[in-house]
PDB file of N, CA and C in Angstrom:
ATOM      1  N   UNK A   1     104.529 -23.030  36.789  1.00  0.00           N
ATOM      2  CA  UNK A   1     103.952 -21.707  36.649  1.00  0.00           C
ATOM      3  C   UNK A   1     103.908 -20.986  38.000  1.00  0.00           C
ATOM      4  N   UNK A   2     103.559 -21.712  39.044  1.00  0.00           N
ATOM      5  CA  UNK A   2     103.527 -21.073  40.379  1.00  0.00           C
ATOM      6  C   UNK A   2     104.923 -20.646  40.810  1.00  0.00           C
ATOM      7  N   UNK A   3     105.911 -21.452  40.513  1.00  0.00           N
ATOM      8  CA  UNK A   3     107.262 -21.127  40.898  1.00  0.00           C
ATOM      9  C   UNK A   3     107.710 -19.834  40.231  1.00  0.00           C
ATOM     10  N   UNK A   4     107.399 -19.640  38.961  1.00  0.00           N
ATOM     11  CA  UNK A   4     107.757 -18.419  38.238  1.00  0.00           C
ATOM     12  C   UNK A   4     107.087 -17.204  38.860  1.00  0.00           C
ATOM     13  N   UNK A   5     105.840 -17.318  39.236  1.00  0.00           N
ATOM     14  CA  UNK A   5     105.128 -16.205  39.842  1.00  0.00           C
ATOM     15  C   UNK A   5     105.718 -15.889  41.208  1.00  0.00           C
ATOM     16  N   UNK A   6     105.967 -16.923  41.996  1.00  0.00           N
ATOM     17  CA  UNK A   6     106.556 -16.739  43.334  1.00  0.00           C
ATOM     18  C   UNK A   6     107.961 -16.096  43.215  1.00  0.00           C
ATOM     19  N   UNK A   7     108.741 -16.587  42.282  1.00  0.00           N
ATOM     20  CA  UNK A   7     110.082 -16.021  42.068  1.00  0.00           C
ATOM     21  C   UNK A   7     109.998 -14.557  41.681  1.00  0.00           C
ATOM     22  N   UNK A   8     109.085 -14.227  40.796  1.00  0.00           N
ATOM     23  CA  UNK A   8     108.898 -12.832  40.363  1.00  0.00           C
ATOM     24  C   UNK A   8     108.513 -11.931  41.550  1.00  0.00           C
ATOM     25  N   UNK A   9     107.606 -12.388  42.394  1.00  0.00           N
ATOM     26  CA  UNK A   9     107.156 -11.609  43.544  1.00  0.00           C
ATOM     27  C   UNK A   9     108.304 -11.394  44.531  1.00  0.00           C
ATOM     28  N   UNK A  10     109.118 -12.409  44.748  1.00  0.00           N
ATOM     29  CA  UNK A  10     110.248 -12.306  45.689  1.00  0.00           C
ATOM     30  C   UNK A  10     111.277 -11.316  45.136  1.00  0.00           C
ATOM     31  N   UNK A  11     111.612 -11.413  43.877  1.00  0.00           N
ATOM     32  CA  UNK A  11     112.561 -10.486  43.254  1.00  0.00           C
ATOM     33  C   UNK A  11     112.036  -9.069  43.278  1.00  0.00           C
ATOM     34  N   UNK A  12     110.775  -8.871  42.965  1.00  0.00           N
ATOM     35  CA  UNK A  12     110.154  -7.544  42.990  1.00  0.00           C
ATOM     36  C   UNK A  12     110.174  -6.968  44.412  1.00  0.00           C
ATOM     37  N   UNK A  13     109.894  -7.789  45.402  1.00  0.00           N
ATOM     38  CA  UNK A  13     109.912  -7.327  46.807  1.00  0.00           C
ATOM     39  C   UNK A  13     111.318  -6.895  47.204  1.00  0.00           C
ATOM     40  N   UNK A  14     112.308  -7.656  46.837  1.00  0.00           N
ATOM     41  CA  UNK A  14     113.707  -7.305  47.186  1.00  0.00           C
ATOM     42  C   UNK A  14     114.119  -5.996  46.490  1.00  0.00           C
ATOM     43  N   UNK A  15     113.718  -5.831  45.255  1.00  0.00           N
ATOM     44  CA  UNK A  15     114.019  -4.607  44.549  1.00  0.00           C
ATOM     45  C   UNK A  15     113.382  -3.395  45.198  1.00  0.00           C
ATOM     46  N   UNK A  16     112.117  -3.511  45.570  1.00  0.00           N
ATOM     47  CA  UNK A  16     111.417  -2.387  46.222  1.00  0.00           C
ATOM     48  C   UNK A  16     112.064  -2.080  47.562  1.00  0.00           C
ATOM     49  N   UNK A  17     112.456  -3.080  48.317  1.00  0.00           N
ATOM     50  CA  UNK A  17     113.104  -2.848  49.612  1.00  0.00           C
ATOM     51  C   UNK A  17     114.431  -2.136  49.412  1.00  0.00           C
ATOM     52  N   UNK A  18     115.203  -2.547  48.441  1.00  0.00           N
ATOM     53  CA  UNK A  18     116.509  -1.921  48.182  1.00  0.00           C
ATOM     54  C   UNK A  18     116.349  -0.478  47.757  1.00  0.00           C
ATOM     55  N   UNK A  19     115.353  -0.184  46.970  1.00  0.00           N
ATOM     56  CA  UNK A  19     115.127   1.204  46.502  1.00  0.00           C
ATOM     57  C   UNK A  19     114.677   2.101  47.633  1.00  0.00           C
ATOM     58  N   UNK A  20     113.810   1.630  48.511  1.00  0.00           N
ATOM     59  CA  UNK A  20     113.336   2.481  49.596  1.00  0.00           C
ATOM     60  C   UNK A  20     114.444   2.710  50.624  1.00  0.00           C
ATOM     61  N   UNK A  21     115.307   1.779  50.827  1.00  0.00           N
ATOM     62  CA  UNK A  21     116.422   1.994  51.745  1.00  0.00           C
ATOM     63  C   UNK A  21     117.340   3.079  51.220  1.00  0.00           C
ATOM     64  N   UNK A  22     117.510   3.168  49.926  1.00  0.00           N
ATOM     65  CA  UNK A  22     118.338   4.193  49.326  1.00  0.00           C
ATOM     66  C   UNK A  22     117.796   5.596  49.572  1.00  0.00           C
ATOM     67  N   UNK A  23     116.485   5.747  49.650  1.00  0.00           N
ATOM     68  CA  UNK A  23     115.884   7.055  49.882  1.00  0.00           C
ATOM     69  C   UNK A  23     116.211   7.587  51.279  1.00  0.00           C
ATOM     70  N   UNK A  24     116.322   6.736  52.273  1.00  0.00           N
ATOM     71  CA  UNK A  24     116.472   7.183  53.638  1.00  0.00           C
ATOM     72  C   UNK A  24     117.906   7.254  54.122  1.00  0.00           C
ATOM     73  N   UNK A  25     118.881   7.043  53.247  1.00  0.00           N
ATOM     74  CA  UNK A  25     120.272   7.076  53.672  1.00  0.00           C
ATOM     75  C   UNK A  25     120.680   8.422  54.233  1.00  0.00           C
ATOM     76  N   UNK A  26     120.201   9.517  53.663  1.00  0.00           N
ATOM     77  CA  UNK A  26     120.646  10.849  54.053  1.00  0.00           C
ATOM     78  C   UNK A  26     119.611  11.576  54.914  1.00  0.00           C
ATOM     79  N   UNK A  27     118.642  10.885  55.465  1.00  0.00           N
ATOM     80  CA  UNK A  27     117.626  11.515  56.282  1.00  0.00           C
ATOM     81  C   UNK A  27     117.904  11.318  57.753  1.00  0.00           C
ATOM     82  N   UNK A  28     117.591  12.353  58.538  1.00  0.00           N
ATOM     83  CA  UNK A  28     117.640  12.229  59.985  1.00  0.00           C
ATOM     84  C   UNK A  28     116.385  11.474  60.427  1.00  0.00           C
ATOM     85  N   UNK A  29     116.574  10.505  61.279  1.00  0.00           N
ATOM     86  CA  UNK A  29     115.457   9.738  61.800  1.00  0.00           C
ATOM     87  C   UNK A  29     115.126  10.107  63.230  1.00  0.00           C
ATOM     88  N   UNK A  30     116.071  10.754  63.905  1.00  0.00           N
ATOM     89  CA  UNK A  30     115.854  11.240  65.283  1.00  0.00           C
ATOM     90  C   UNK A  30     116.806  12.404  65.569  1.00  0.00           C
ATOM     91  N   UNK A  31     116.530  13.112  66.636  1.00  0.00           N
ATOM     92  CA  UNK A  31     117.302  14.284  67.021  1.00  0.00           C
ATOM     93  C   UNK A  31     118.267  13.946  68.162  1.00  0.00           C
ATOM     94  N   UNK A  32     119.367  14.665  68.219  1.00  0.00           N
ATOM     95  CA  UNK A  32     120.186  14.662  69.434  1.00  0.00           C
ATOM     96  C   UNK A  32     119.491  15.582  70.434  1.00  0.00           C
ATOM     97  N   UNK A  33     119.599  15.284  71.710  1.00  0.00           N
ATOM     98  CA  UNK A  33     118.957  16.129  72.724  1.00  0.00           C
ATOM     99  C   UNK A  33     119.685  17.447  72.874  1.00  0.00           C
ATOM    100  N   UNK A  34     121.012  17.385  72.821  1.00  0.00           N
ATOM    101  CA  UNK A  34     121.827  18.594  72.950  1.00  0.00           C
ATOM    102  C   UNK A  34     123.240  18.302  72.462  1.00  0.00           C
ATOM    103  N   UNK A  35     123.944  19.349  72.167  1.00  0.00           N
ATOM    104  CA  UNK A  35     125.389  19.254  71.911  1.00  0.00           C
ATOM    105  C   UNK A  35     126.041  20.070  73.020  1.00  0.00           C
ATOM    106  N   UNK A  36     126.911  19.467  73.758  1.00  0.00           N
ATOM    107  CA  UNK A  36     127.570  20.165  74.881  1.00  0.00           C
ATOM    108  C   UNK A  36     128.276  21.402  74.382  1.00  0.00           C
ATOM    109  N   UNK A  37     128.294  22.469  75.189  1.00  0.00           N
ATOM    110  CA  UNK A  37     128.926  23.730  74.754  1.00  0.00           C
ATOM    111  C   UNK A  37     130.370  23.549  74.275  1.00  0.00           C
ATOM    112  N   UNK A  38     131.127  22.662  74.912  1.00  0.00           N
ATOM    113  CA  UNK A  38     132.491  22.429  74.446  1.00  0.00           C
ATOM    114  C   UNK A  38     132.540  21.880  73.030  1.00  0.00           C
ATOM    115  N   UNK A  39     131.524  21.105  72.657  1.00  0.00           N
ATOM    116  CA  UNK A  39     131.479  20.497  71.324  1.00  0.00           C
ATOM    117  C   UNK A  39     130.811  21.419  70.302  1.00  0.00           C
ATOM    118  N   UNK A  40     129.994  22.360  70.753  1.00  0.00           N
ATOM    119  CA  UNK A  40     129.314  23.267  69.819  1.00  0.00           C
ATOM    120  C   UNK A  40     130.303  24.104  69.018  1.00  0.00           C
ATOM    121  N   UNK A  41     131.438  24.380  69.621  1.00  0.00           N
ATOM    122  CA  UNK A  41     132.433  25.224  68.910  1.00  0.00           C
ATOM    123  C   UNK A  41     133.008  24.491  67.713  1.00  0.00           C
ATOM    124  N   UNK A  42     132.824  23.166  67.615  1.00  0.00           N
ATOM    125  CA  UNK A  42     133.324  22.395  66.477  1.00  0.00           C
ATOM    126  C   UNK A  42     132.351  22.333  65.300  1.00  0.00           C
ATOM    127  N   UNK A  43     131.155  22.893  65.483  1.00  0.00           N
ATOM    128  CA  UNK A  43     130.182  22.928  64.398  1.00  0.00           C
ATOM    129  C   UNK A  43     130.617  23.994  63.388  1.00  0.00           C
ATOM    130  N   UNK A  44     130.779  23.597  62.129  1.00  0.00           N
ATOM    131  CA  UNK A  44     131.277  24.519  61.104  1.00  0.00           C
ATOM    132  C   UNK A  44     130.241  24.866  60.058  1.00  0.00           C
ATOM    133  N   UNK A  45     129.179  24.074  59.976  1.00  0.00           N
ATOM    134  CA  UNK A  45     128.169  24.335  58.943  1.00  0.00           C
ATOM    135  C   UNK A  45     126.867  23.686  59.381  1.00  0.00           C
ATOM    136  N   UNK A  46     125.769  24.036  58.708  1.00  0.00           N
ATOM    137  CA  UNK A  46     124.495  23.394  58.947  1.00  0.00           C
ATOM    138  C   UNK A  46     123.679  23.429  57.665  1.00  0.00           C
ATOM    139  N   UNK A  47     122.757  22.479  57.580  1.00  0.00           N
ATOM    140  CA  UNK A  47     121.809  22.378  56.462  1.00  0.00           C
ATOM    141  C   UNK A  47     120.438  22.054  57.005  1.00  0.00           C
ATOM    142  N   UNK A  48     119.430  22.369  56.240  1.00  0.00           N
ATOM    143  CA  UNK A  48     118.052  22.055  56.633  1.00  0.00           C
ATOM    144  C   UNK A  48     117.615  20.746  55.980  1.00  0.00           C
ATOM    145  N   UNK A  49     116.894  19.951  56.729  1.00  0.00           N
ATOM    146  CA  UNK A  49     116.208  18.784  56.157  1.00  0.00           C
ATOM    147  C   UNK A  49     114.720  19.105  56.205  1.00  0.00           C
ATOM    148  N   UNK A  50     114.079  19.078  55.086  1.00  0.00           N
ATOM    149  CA  UNK A  50     112.652  19.354  55.006  1.00  0.00           C
ATOM    150  C   UNK A  50     111.891  18.029  54.963  1.00  0.00           C
ATOM    151  N   UNK A  51     110.612  18.090  55.224  1.00  0.00           N
ATOM    152  CA  UNK A  51     109.813  16.846  55.265  1.00  0.00           C
ATOM    153  C   UNK A  51     109.312  16.404  53.901  1.00  0.00           C
ATOM    154  N   UNK A  52     109.665  17.133  52.844  1.00  0.00           N
ATOM    155  CA  UNK A  52     109.264  16.691  51.520  1.00  0.00           C
ATOM    156  C   UNK A  52     110.150  15.528  51.054  1.00  0.00           C
ATOM    157  N   UNK A  53     109.703  14.811  50.106  1.00  0.00           N
ATOM    158  CA  UNK A  53     110.475  13.677  49.610  1.00  0.00           C
ATOM    159  C   UNK A  53     110.423  12.506  50.574  1.00  0.00           C
ATOM    160  N   UNK A  54     111.573  11.890  50.835  1.00  0.00           N
ATOM    161  CA  UNK A  54     111.599  10.697  51.644  1.00  0.00           C
ATOM    162  C   UNK A  54     111.867  10.930  53.121  1.00  0.00           C
ATOM    163  N   UNK A  55     112.087  12.155  53.558  1.00  0.00           N
ATOM    164  CA  UNK A  55     112.425  12.425  54.955  1.00  0.00           C
ATOM    165  C   UNK A  55     111.152  12.746  55.759  1.00  0.00           C
ATOM    166  N   UNK A  56     111.074  12.144  56.949  1.00  0.00           N
ATOM    167  CA  UNK A  56     109.844  12.234  57.729  1.00  0.00           C
ATOM    168  C   UNK A  56     109.822  13.367  58.756  1.00  0.00           C
ATOM    169  N   UNK A  57     110.974  13.843  59.166  1.00  0.00           N
ATOM    170  CA  UNK A  57     111.002  14.881  60.194  1.00  0.00           C
ATOM    171  C   UNK A  57     111.827  16.080  59.724  1.00  0.00           C
ATOM    172  N   UNK A  58     111.418  17.317  60.105  1.00  0.00           N
ATOM    173  CA  UNK A  58     112.240  18.462  59.804  1.00  0.00           C
ATOM    174  C   UNK A  58     113.466  18.436  60.748  1.00  0.00           C
ATOM    175  N   UNK A  59     114.593  18.850  60.253  1.00  0.00           N
ATOM    176  CA  UNK A  59     115.806  18.822  61.090  1.00  0.00           C
ATOM    177  C   UNK A  59     116.803  19.831  60.590  1.00  0.00           C
ATOM    178  N   UNK A  60     117.689  20.210  61.506  1.00  0.00           N
ATOM    179  CA  UNK A  60     118.884  20.965  61.155  1.00  0.00           C
ATOM    180  C   UNK A  60     120.050  19.988  61.312  1.00  0.00           C
ATOM    181  N   UNK A  61     120.835  19.844  60.250  1.00  0.00           N
ATOM    182  CA  UNK A  61     121.936  18.898  60.268  1.00  0.00           C
ATOM    183  C   UNK A  61     123.220  19.719  60.433  1.00  0.00           C
ATOM    184  N   UNK A  62     123.843  19.577  61.587  1.00  0.00           N
ATOM    185  CA  UNK A  62     125.089  20.277  61.845  1.00  0.00           C
ATOM    186  C   UNK A  62     126.255  19.402  61.374  1.00  0.00           C
ATOM    187  N   UNK A  63     127.195  20.034  60.669  1.00  0.00           N
ATOM    188  CA  UNK A  63     128.426  19.348  60.248  1.00  0.00           C
ATOM    189  C   UNK A  63     129.542  19.809  61.197  1.00  0.00           C
ATOM    190  N   UNK A  64     130.163  18.848  61.804  1.00  0.00           N
ATOM    191  CA  UNK A  64     131.241  19.150  62.755  1.00  0.00           C
ATOM    192  C   UNK A  64     132.563  19.242  62.014  1.00  0.00           C
ATOM    193  N   UNK A  65     133.585  19.719  62.682  1.00  0.00           N
ATOM    194  CA  UNK A  65     134.879  19.972  62.077  1.00  0.00           C
ATOM    195  C   UNK A  65     135.469  18.765  61.370  1.00  0.00           C
ATOM    196  N   UNK A  66     135.304  17.564  61.941  1.00  0.00           N
ATOM    197  CA  UNK A  66     135.886  16.369  61.333  1.00  0.00           C
ATOM    198  C   UNK A  66     134.917  15.652  60.404  1.00  0.00           C
ATOM    199  N   UNK A  67     133.793  16.294  60.057  1.00  0.00           N
ATOM    200  CA  UNK A  67     132.858  15.742  59.090  1.00  0.00           C
ATOM    201  C   UNK A  67     131.677  14.993  59.699  1.00  0.00           C
ATOM    202  N   UNK A  68     131.647  14.819  60.991  1.00  0.00           N
ATOM    203  CA  UNK A  68     130.521  14.127  61.625  1.00  0.00           C
ATOM    204  C   UNK A  68     129.274  14.987  61.488  1.00  0.00           C
ATOM    205  N   UNK A  69     128.137  14.351  61.296  1.00  0.00           N
ATOM    206  CA  UNK A  69     126.875  15.067  61.138  1.00  0.00           C
ATOM    207  C   UNK A  69     125.933  14.728  62.288  1.00  0.00           C
ATOM    208  N   UNK A  70     125.293  15.768  62.844  1.00  0.00           N
ATOM    209  CA  UNK A  70     124.372  15.590  63.949  1.00  0.00           C
ATOM    210  C   UNK A  70     123.043  16.255  63.594  1.00  0.00           C
ATOM    211  N   UNK A  71     121.940  15.565  63.891  1.00  0.00           N
ATOM    212  CA  UNK A  71     120.622  16.069  63.573  1.00  0.00           C
ATOM    213  C   UNK A  71     119.982  16.662  64.814  1.00  0.00           C
ATOM    214  N   UNK A  72     119.387  17.841  64.655  1.00  0.00           N
ATOM    215  CA  UNK A  72     118.786  18.556  65.791  1.00  0.00           C
ATOM    216  C   UNK A  72     117.415  19.074  65.399  1.00  0.00           C
ATOM    217  N   UNK A  73     116.588  19.275  66.410  1.00  0.00           N
ATOM    218  CA  UNK A  73     115.239  19.805  66.237  1.00  0.00           C
ATOM    219  C   UNK A  73     115.307  21.301  65.950  1.00  0.00           C
ATOM    220  N   UNK A  74     114.795  21.753  64.811  1.00  0.00           N
ATOM    221  CA  UNK A  74     114.928  23.178  64.467  1.00  0.00           C
ATOM    222  C   UNK A  74     114.135  24.101  65.374  1.00  0.00           C
ATOM    223  N   UNK A  75     113.202  23.589  66.142  1.00  0.00           N
ATOM    224  CA  UNK A  75     112.404  24.450  67.035  1.00  0.00           C
ATOM    225  C   UNK A  75     113.054  24.655  68.396  1.00  0.00           C
ATOM    226  N   UNK A  76     114.158  23.956  68.671  1.00  0.00           N
ATOM    227  CA  UNK A  76     114.841  24.120  69.947  1.00  0.00           C
ATOM    228  C   UNK A  76     115.664  25.427  69.942  1.00  0.00           C
ATOM    229  N   UNK A  77     115.665  26.108  71.095  1.00  0.00           N
ATOM    230  CA  UNK A  77     116.386  27.386  71.172  1.00  0.00           C
ATOM    231  C   UNK A  77     117.891  27.208  70.982  1.00  0.00           C
ATOM    232  N   UNK A  78     118.484  26.170  71.569  1.00  0.00           N
ATOM    233  CA  UNK A  78     119.943  25.989  71.441  1.00  0.00           C
ATOM    234  C   UNK A  78     120.336  25.751  70.005  1.00  0.00           C
ATOM    235  N   UNK A  79     119.430  25.132  69.226  1.00  0.00           N
ATOM    236  CA  UNK A  79     119.729  24.891  67.789  1.00  0.00           C
ATOM    237  C   UNK A  79     119.742  26.219  67.048  1.00  0.00           C
ATOM    238  N   UNK A  80     118.760  27.053  67.308  1.00  0.00           N
ATOM    239  CA  UNK A  80     118.708  28.364  66.654  1.00  0.00           C
ATOM    240  C   UNK A  80     119.893  29.238  67.055  1.00  0.00           C
ATOM    241  N   UNK A  81     120.264  29.144  68.334  1.00  0.00           N
ATOM    242  CA  UNK A  81     121.438  29.913  68.788  1.00  0.00           C
ATOM    243  C   UNK A  81     122.721  29.458  68.093  1.00  0.00           C
ATOM    244  N   UNK A  82     122.886  28.147  67.943  1.00  0.00           N
ATOM    245  CA  UNK A  82     124.077  27.614  67.282  1.00  0.00           C
ATOM    246  C   UNK A  82     124.102  27.992  65.798  1.00  0.00           C
ATOM    247  N   UNK A  83     122.938  27.978  65.159  1.00  0.00           N
ATOM    248  CA  UNK A  83     122.862  28.396  63.760  1.00  0.00           C
ATOM    249  C   UNK A  83     123.278  29.878  63.627  1.00  0.00           C
ATOM    250  N   UNK A  84     122.799  30.716  64.562  1.00  0.00           N
ATOM    251  CA  UNK A  84     123.194  32.139  64.533  1.00  0.00           C
ATOM    252  C   UNK A  84     124.693  32.294  64.707  1.00  0.00           C
ATOM    253  N   UNK A  85     125.252  31.515  65.637  1.00  0.00           N
ATOM    254  CA  UNK A  85     126.703  31.604  65.895  1.00  0.00           C
ATOM    255  C   UNK A  85     127.490  31.209  64.636  1.00  0.00           C
ATOM    256  N   UNK A  86     127.071  30.157  63.938  1.00  0.00           N
ATOM    257  CA  UNK A  86     127.746  29.750  62.712  1.00  0.00           C
ATOM    258  C   UNK A  86     127.618  30.819  61.651  1.00  0.00           C
ATOM    259  N   UNK A  87     126.426  31.428  61.525  1.00  0.00           N
ATOM    260  CA  UNK A  87     126.235  32.502  60.554  1.00  0.00           C
ATOM    261  C   UNK A  87     127.154  33.687  60.852  1.00  0.00           C
ATOM    262  N   UNK A  88     127.296  34.044  62.141  1.00  0.00           N
ATOM    263  CA  UNK A  88     128.187  35.146  62.486  1.00  0.00           C
ATOM    264  C   UNK A  88     129.633  34.817  62.147  1.00  0.00           C
ATOM    265  N   UNK A  89     130.048  33.596  62.398  1.00  0.00           N
ATOM    266  CA  UNK A  89     131.427  33.185  62.047  1.00  0.00           C
ATOM    267  C   UNK A  89     131.634  33.306  60.553  1.00  0.00           C
ATOM    268  N   UNK A  90     130.671  32.864  59.782  1.00  0.00           N
ATOM    269  CA  UNK A  90     130.769  32.941  58.305  1.00  0.00           C
ATOM    270  C   UNK A  90     130.902  34.380  57.842  1.00  0.00           C
ATOM    271  N   UNK A  91     130.076  35.255  58.413  1.00  0.00           N
ATOM    272  CA  UNK A  91     130.127  36.656  57.940  1.00  0.00           C
ATOM    273  C   UNK A  91     131.427  37.318  58.330  1.00  0.00           C
ATOM    274  N   UNK A  92     131.975  36.955  59.495  1.00  0.00           N
ATOM    275  CA  UNK A  92     133.276  37.512  59.884  1.00  0.00           C
ATOM    276  C   UNK A  92     134.381  37.053  58.937  1.00  0.00           C
ATOM    277  N   UNK A  93     134.324  35.800  58.506  1.00  0.00           N
ATOM    278  CA  UNK A  93     135.344  35.270  57.584  1.00  0.00           C
ATOM    279  C   UNK A  93     135.253  35.975  56.237  1.00  0.00           C
ATOM    280  N   UNK A  94     134.050  36.213  55.792  1.00  0.00           N
ATOM    281  CA  UNK A  94     133.870  36.877  54.485  1.00  0.00           C
ATOM    282  C   UNK A  94     134.407  38.306  54.530  1.00  0.00           C
ATOM    283  N   UNK A  95     134.102  39.012  55.638  1.00  0.00           N
ATOM    284  CA  UNK A  95     134.553  40.420  55.753  1.00  0.00           C
ATOM    285  C   UNK A  95     136.041  40.522  56.083  1.00  0.00           C
ATOM    286  N   UNK A  96     136.626  39.485  56.646  1.00  0.00           N
ATOM    287  CA  UNK A  96     138.040  39.527  57.026  1.00  0.00           C
ATOM    288  C   UNK A  96     138.974  39.214  55.870  1.00  0.00           C
ATOM    289  N   UNK A  97     138.435  38.637  54.790  1.00  0.00           N
ATOM    290  CA  UNK A  97     139.296  38.272  53.654  1.00  0.00           C
ATOM    291  C   UNK A  97     139.743  39.555  52.927  1.00  0.00           C
ATOM    292  N   UNK A  98     141.016  39.643  52.631  1.00  0.00           N
ATOM    293  CA  UNK A  98     141.510  40.848  51.929  1.00  0.00           C
ATOM    294  C   UNK A  98     140.994  40.856  50.503  1.00  0.00           C
ATOM    295  N   UNK A  99     140.722  42.050  50.043  1.00  0.00           N
ATOM    296  CA  UNK A  99     140.295  42.167  48.641  1.00  0.00           C
ATOM    297  C   UNK A  99     141.528  42.520  47.772  1.00  0.00           C
ATOM    298  N   UNK A 100     141.620  41.903  46.672  1.00  0.00           N
ATOM    299  CA  UNK A 100     142.748  42.111  45.774  1.00  0.00           C
ATOM    300  C   UNK A 100     142.302  42.984  44.604  1.00  0.00           C
ATOM    301  N   UNK A 101     143.096  43.981  44.366  1.00  0.00           N
ATOM    302  CA  UNK A 101     142.765  44.870  43.243  1.00  0.00           C
ATOM    303  C   UNK A 101     143.916  44.817  42.259  1.00  0.00           C
ATOM    304  N   UNK A 102     143.569  44.657  40.996  1.00  0.00           N
ATOM    305  CA  UNK A 102     144.601  44.516  39.991  1.00  0.00           C
ATOM    306  C   UNK A 102     145.079  45.751  39.360  1.00  0.00           C
TER     307      UNK A 102
END
């Protein structure tokens, strides 16, 4: 009887551990201090990480040209400047696309 109870507790613990690890796969756990100006030009997109759900810190997640993701503190000035630069690039691309009329 004790063995069955012990086995059940061990299996339940492993299951809980596996489930909680799945929650944190896509969360930033720390920030980069900076992205060098030469590398900032490779940032093509960004997303916000909010503290709701399983993520513990707010973050801006920059996606670089080759798919690498970097987490940054949203209150840092360089982060806000880089977000503005990406937004300006996006708006220029949208306005530069030719419109087709049928």
